[in-house]
Protein backbone atom coordinates (compact mmCIF):
# COMPACT_ATOMS: atom_id res chain seq x y z
CA UNK A 1 -19.38 -15.18 2.40
CA UNK A 2 -16.61 -17.75 2.61
CA UNK A 3 -16.37 -17.80 -1.16
CA UNK A 4 -16.34 -14.01 -1.29
CA UNK A 5 -13.35 -13.69 1.07
CA UNK A 6 -11.41 -16.68 -0.29
CA UNK A 7 -7.82 -15.70 -1.00
CA UNK A 8 -8.55 -12.16 0.12
CA UNK A 9 -7.95 -9.70 2.93
CA UNK A 10 -10.39 -9.06 5.77
CA UNK A 11 -9.73 -5.88 7.75
CA UNK A 12 -10.53 -5.76 11.44
CA UNK A 13 -12.00 -2.36 12.30
CA UNK A 14 -12.08 -2.16 16.07
CA UNK A 15 -11.45 0.47 18.72
CA UNK A 16 -12.16 -0.23 22.38
CA UNK A 17 -13.56 2.32 24.80
CA UNK A 18 -10.09 3.35 26.01
CA UNK A 19 -8.80 3.97 22.48
CA UNK A 20 -8.89 7.34 20.69
CA UNK A 21 -10.83 6.11 17.64
CA UNK A 22 -13.64 4.52 19.66
CA UNK A 23 -16.74 5.58 17.71
CA UNK A 24 -19.22 3.82 15.42
CA UNK A 25 -18.92 6.74 13.01
CA UNK A 26 -15.14 6.41 12.84
CA UNK A 27 -15.28 2.63 12.47
CA UNK A 28 -17.75 3.05 9.61
CA UNK A 29 -15.34 5.37 7.83
CA UNK A 30 -12.46 3.03 8.63
CA UNK A 31 -14.37 0.19 6.96
CA UNK A 32 -15.07 2.40 3.96
CA UNK A 33 -11.36 3.17 3.65
CA UNK A 34 -10.59 -0.55 3.90
CA UNK A 35 -13.14 -1.32 1.19
CA UNK A 36 -11.64 1.32 -1.08
CA UNK A 37 -8.26 -0.28 -0.49
CA UNK A 38 -9.51 -3.68 -1.65
CA UNK A 39 -10.66 -5.45 1.50
CA UNK A 40 -13.10 -8.30 0.90
CA UNK A 41 -14.62 -8.30 4.37
CA UNK A 42 -14.65 -6.55 7.72
CA UNK A 43 -14.33 -7.84 11.28
CA UNK A 44 -16.00 -5.60 13.84
CA UNK A 45 -16.82 -5.41 17.53
CA UNK A 46 -20.24 -4.33 18.86
CA UNK A 47 -23.70 -3.90 17.40
CA UNK A 48 -23.28 -0.14 17.03
CA UNK A 49 -20.07 -0.46 15.04
CA UNK A 50 -21.47 -3.16 12.76
CA UNK A 51 -24.58 -1.13 12.03
CA UNK A 52 -22.45 1.91 11.19
CA UNK A 53 -20.15 -0.18 9.00
CA UNK A 54 -23.07 -1.69 7.09
CA UNK A 55 -24.28 1.82 6.29
CA UNK A 56 -20.92 2.54 4.64
CA UNK A 57 -19.96 -0.69 2.86
CA UNK A 58 -21.62 -3.74 1.35
CA UNK A 59 -18.83 -6.09 2.40
CA UNK A 60 -19.65 -9.12 4.58
CA UNK A 61 -18.97 -8.67 8.27
CA UNK A 62 -17.52 -10.97 10.91
CA UNK A 63 -19.20 -9.74 14.08
CA UNK A 64 -18.04 -10.07 17.66
CA UNK A 65 -18.80 -8.57 21.04
CA UNK A 66 -16.02 -8.33 23.58
CA UNK A 67 -17.36 -8.56 27.12
CA UNK A 68 -15.67 -9.57 30.36
CA UNK A 69 -17.23 -12.10 32.73
CA UNK A 70 -16.03 -12.56 36.32
CA UNK A 71 -16.02 -16.36 36.18
CA UNK A 72 -14.22 -16.81 32.85
CA UNK A 73 -11.27 -15.62 30.78
CA UNK A 74 -13.39 -15.99 27.63
CA UNK A 75 -14.39 -12.55 26.36
CA UNK A 76 -15.01 -12.79 22.60
CA UNK A 77 -18.73 -13.51 22.04
CA UNK A 78 -18.74 -15.57 25.20
CA UNK A 79 -22.44 -16.38 25.59
CA UNK A 80 -25.78 -16.52 23.82
CA UNK A 81 -26.43 -13.01 25.10
CA UNK A 82 -23.76 -11.60 22.78
CA UNK A 83 -24.91 -13.69 19.83
CA UNK A 84 -28.50 -12.51 20.23
CA UNK A 85 -27.35 -8.89 20.41
CA UNK A 86 -25.18 -9.28 17.33
CA UNK A 87 -28.00 -10.72 15.26
CA UNK A 88 -29.79 -7.39 15.52
CA UNK A 89 -27.09 -6.07 13.19
CA UNK A 90 -27.25 -9.19 10.98
CA UNK A 91 -23.55 -9.93 10.45
CA UNK A 92 -22.90 -12.63 7.87
CA UNK A 93 -20.60 -14.42 10.30
CA UNK A 94 -20.11 -14.44 14.06
CA UNK A 95 -16.77 -15.27 15.64
CA UNK A 96 -16.58 -16.67 19.13
CA UNK A 97 -13.88 -17.84 21.46
CA UNK A 98 -13.50 -21.57 20.84
CA UNK A 99 -10.60 -22.18 23.20
CA UNK A 100 -10.65 -24.93 25.81
CA UNK A 101 -10.98 -22.40 28.62
CA UNK A 102 -13.94 -22.55 31.00
CA UNK A 103 -16.85 -20.46 29.76
CA UNK A 104 -19.18 -18.17 31.72
CA UNK A 105 -21.73 -19.93 33.95
CA UNK A 106 -20.16 -23.30 33.16
CA UNK A 107 -21.68 -23.55 29.69
CA UNK A 108 -19.76 -25.71 27.25
CA UNK A 109 -18.80 -24.67 23.74
CA UNK A 110 -20.86 -27.55 22.37
CA UNK A 111 -23.94 -26.32 24.22
CA UNK A 112 -23.47 -22.78 22.93
CA UNK A 113 -23.02 -23.88 19.33
CA UNK A 114 -26.18 -26.00 19.48
CA UNK A 115 -28.15 -23.05 20.84
CA UNK A 116 -26.87 -20.76 18.11
CA UNK A 117 -27.62 -23.24 15.33
CA UNK A 118 -31.15 -23.70 16.64
CA UNK A 119 -31.89 -19.99 17.02
CA UNK A 120 -29.96 -18.57 14.06
CA UNK A 121 -29.27 -21.30 11.48
CA UNK A 122 -28.49 -18.71 8.80
CA UNK A 123 -25.38 -17.22 10.39
CA UNK A 124 -21.90 -18.61 9.76
CA UNK A 125 -19.74 -19.40 12.78
CA UNK A 126 -16.00 -18.78 13.08
CA UNK A 127 -14.03 -20.44 15.87
CA UNK A 128 -11.31 -18.24 17.35
CA UNK A 129 -8.77 -20.79 18.56
CA UNK A 130 -5.32 -20.78 20.15
CA UNK A 131 -4.21 -24.39 19.74
CA UNK A 132 -4.47 -27.15 17.15
CA UNK A 133 -6.63 -29.39 19.34
CA UNK A 134 -9.16 -26.57 19.65
CA UNK A 135 -9.36 -26.31 15.86
CA UNK A 136 -10.07 -30.04 15.63
CA UNK A 137 -12.79 -29.73 18.25
CA UNK A 138 -14.30 -26.75 16.45
CA UNK A 139 -14.56 -28.70 13.22
CA UNK A 140 -16.23 -31.58 15.05
CA UNK A 141 -18.75 -29.15 16.58
CA UNK A 142 -19.74 -27.88 13.14
CA UNK A 143 -18.06 -24.49 12.92
CA UNK A 144 -17.88 -23.14 9.37
CA UNK A 145 -14.26 -22.00 9.72
CA UNK A 146 -11.51 -21.55 12.28
CA UNK A 147 -9.26 -18.58 12.92
CA UNK A 148 -5.87 -18.50 14.62
CA UNK A 149 -7.02 -15.34 16.38
CA UNK A 150 -6.17 -16.29 19.95
CA UNK A 151 -2.77 -17.90 19.42
CA UNK A 152 -0.51 -16.08 21.85
CA UNK A 153 -3.39 -14.68 23.89
CA UNK A 154 -4.10 -17.59 26.24
CA UNK A 155 -2.13 -18.85 29.23
CA UNK A 156 -0.86 -21.89 27.33
CA UNK A 157 0.26 -19.91 24.27
CA UNK A 158 1.38 -16.68 25.92
CA UNK A 159 4.55 -15.24 24.43
CA UNK A 160 4.00 -16.84 21.03
CA UNK A 161 3.19 -15.01 17.81
CA UNK A 162 1.60 -16.48 14.70
CA UNK A 163 4.44 -15.46 12.33
CA UNK A 164 7.05 -17.36 14.36
CA UNK A 165 8.96 -20.15 12.60
CA UNK A 166 7.38 -19.33 9.25
CA UNK A 167 3.84 -19.62 10.61
CA UNK A 168 4.36 -23.09 12.07
CA UNK A 169 1.13 -22.84 14.08
CA UNK A 170 -0.87 -21.95 10.97
CA UNK A 171 0.66 -24.89 9.12
CA UNK A 172 -0.27 -27.25 11.94
CA UNK A 173 -3.88 -26.05 11.99
CA UNK A 174 -4.14 -26.33 8.21
CA UNK A 175 -2.93 -29.91 8.41
CA UNK A 176 -5.36 -30.82 11.19
CA UNK A 177 -8.71 -29.66 9.76
CA UNK A 178 -10.58 -29.64 6.48
CA UNK A 179 -12.75 -26.56 7.06
CA UNK A 180 -11.41 -23.16 5.97
CA UNK A 181 -8.67 -21.71 8.15
CA UNK A 182 -8.44 -17.94 8.48
CA UNK A 183 -5.06 -16.55 9.49
CA UNK A 184 -5.36 -13.86 12.14
CA UNK A 185 -3.12 -12.50 14.85
CA UNK A 186 -0.04 -10.30 14.49
CA UNK A 187 -0.07 -10.50 10.70
CA UNK A 188 1.48 -7.07 10.61
CA UNK A 189 3.04 -6.73 7.17
CA UNK A 190 1.81 -7.25 3.60
CA UNK A 191 4.53 -9.84 3.12
CA UNK A 192 3.30 -11.87 6.08
CA UNK A 193 -0.29 -11.66 4.85
CA UNK A 194 0.82 -12.95 1.44
CA UNK A 195 2.72 -15.78 3.12
CA UNK A 196 -0.39 -16.89 5.01
CA UNK A 197 -2.33 -17.21 1.77
CA UNK A 198 0.57 -18.98 0.07
CA UNK A 199 0.60 -21.56 2.86
CA UNK A 200 -3.06 -22.31 2.26
CA UNK A 201 -5.02 -20.00 4.55
CA UNK A 202 -8.52 -19.40 3.20
CA UNK A 203 -8.25 -15.69 4.01
CA UNK A 204 -6.23 -13.40 6.23
CA UNK A 205 -7.46 -10.91 8.83
CA UNK A 206 -5.35 -7.85 9.57
CA UNK A 207 -6.31 -5.38 12.26
CA UNK A 208 -3.94 -3.19 14.22
CA UNK A 209 -1.37 -2.88 11.43
CA UNK A 210 -4.04 -1.12 9.35
CA UNK A 211 -6.62 0.37 11.69
CA UNK A 212 -4.92 1.27 14.98
CA UNK A 213 -2.80 4.38 14.39
CA UNK A 214 -1.49 4.43 17.93
CA UNK A 215 0.04 0.97 17.39
CA UNK A 216 1.41 1.94 13.99
CA UNK A 217 2.97 5.08 15.45
CA UNK A 218 4.49 3.08 18.29
CA UNK A 219 6.24 0.79 15.81
CA UNK A 220 7.91 3.83 14.30
CA UNK A 221 8.88 5.40 17.63
CA UNK A 222 10.23 2.08 18.89
CA UNK A 223 12.32 1.67 15.74
CA UNK A 224 13.64 5.20 16.17
CA UNK A 225 14.36 4.67 19.85
CA UNK A 226 12.03 7.48 20.84
CA UNK A 227 10.09 7.73 24.08
CA UNK A 228 6.30 7.99 24.18
CA UNK A 229 5.49 11.48 25.41
């Protein structure tokens, strides 16, 4: 899979329960549209969505499950429960929160990775990180790749965006690890996606700028100074 997406675009097809496009059927069609547009892979949330997507396209899938836990801020594939559920849909890769934040039930990231490797040695693992040190740790733990997915979405990186200062965070991660680095997070224009690849990102993931029409519409209304009715 990593070779298949190298130098290419992965489209994140996600819609949460409170969003208008929340539906496995719609996400399947969204993935089909992305494939027809040239996407090399899909990132998707939930078993139902992944199964629907795999019925529509033959592209490799990065699977996640977003689930809140009362004792942790980690919510992207936080425990073995989510991994086991995801494997029913057989995604080629699973992404999980690899930040330094405390995990549910006190489990460590190292413990979780060992459990996954033992139970499902065939699946690739992507580390969603927010800081450079987390990328270094992820490489040491044996992740197959790291993604800048959570930069700006943790307490220590809040208010930051990946494109800032000509993708300085991406550059720092690329310099710190030898495993593939996938650029993800607020890559909201084709020009920015191209810049990520030019800097050395293995691939780039784009989500809301392609697949969330309410966000796309809001960019237009904000630019026009129009209120949301």
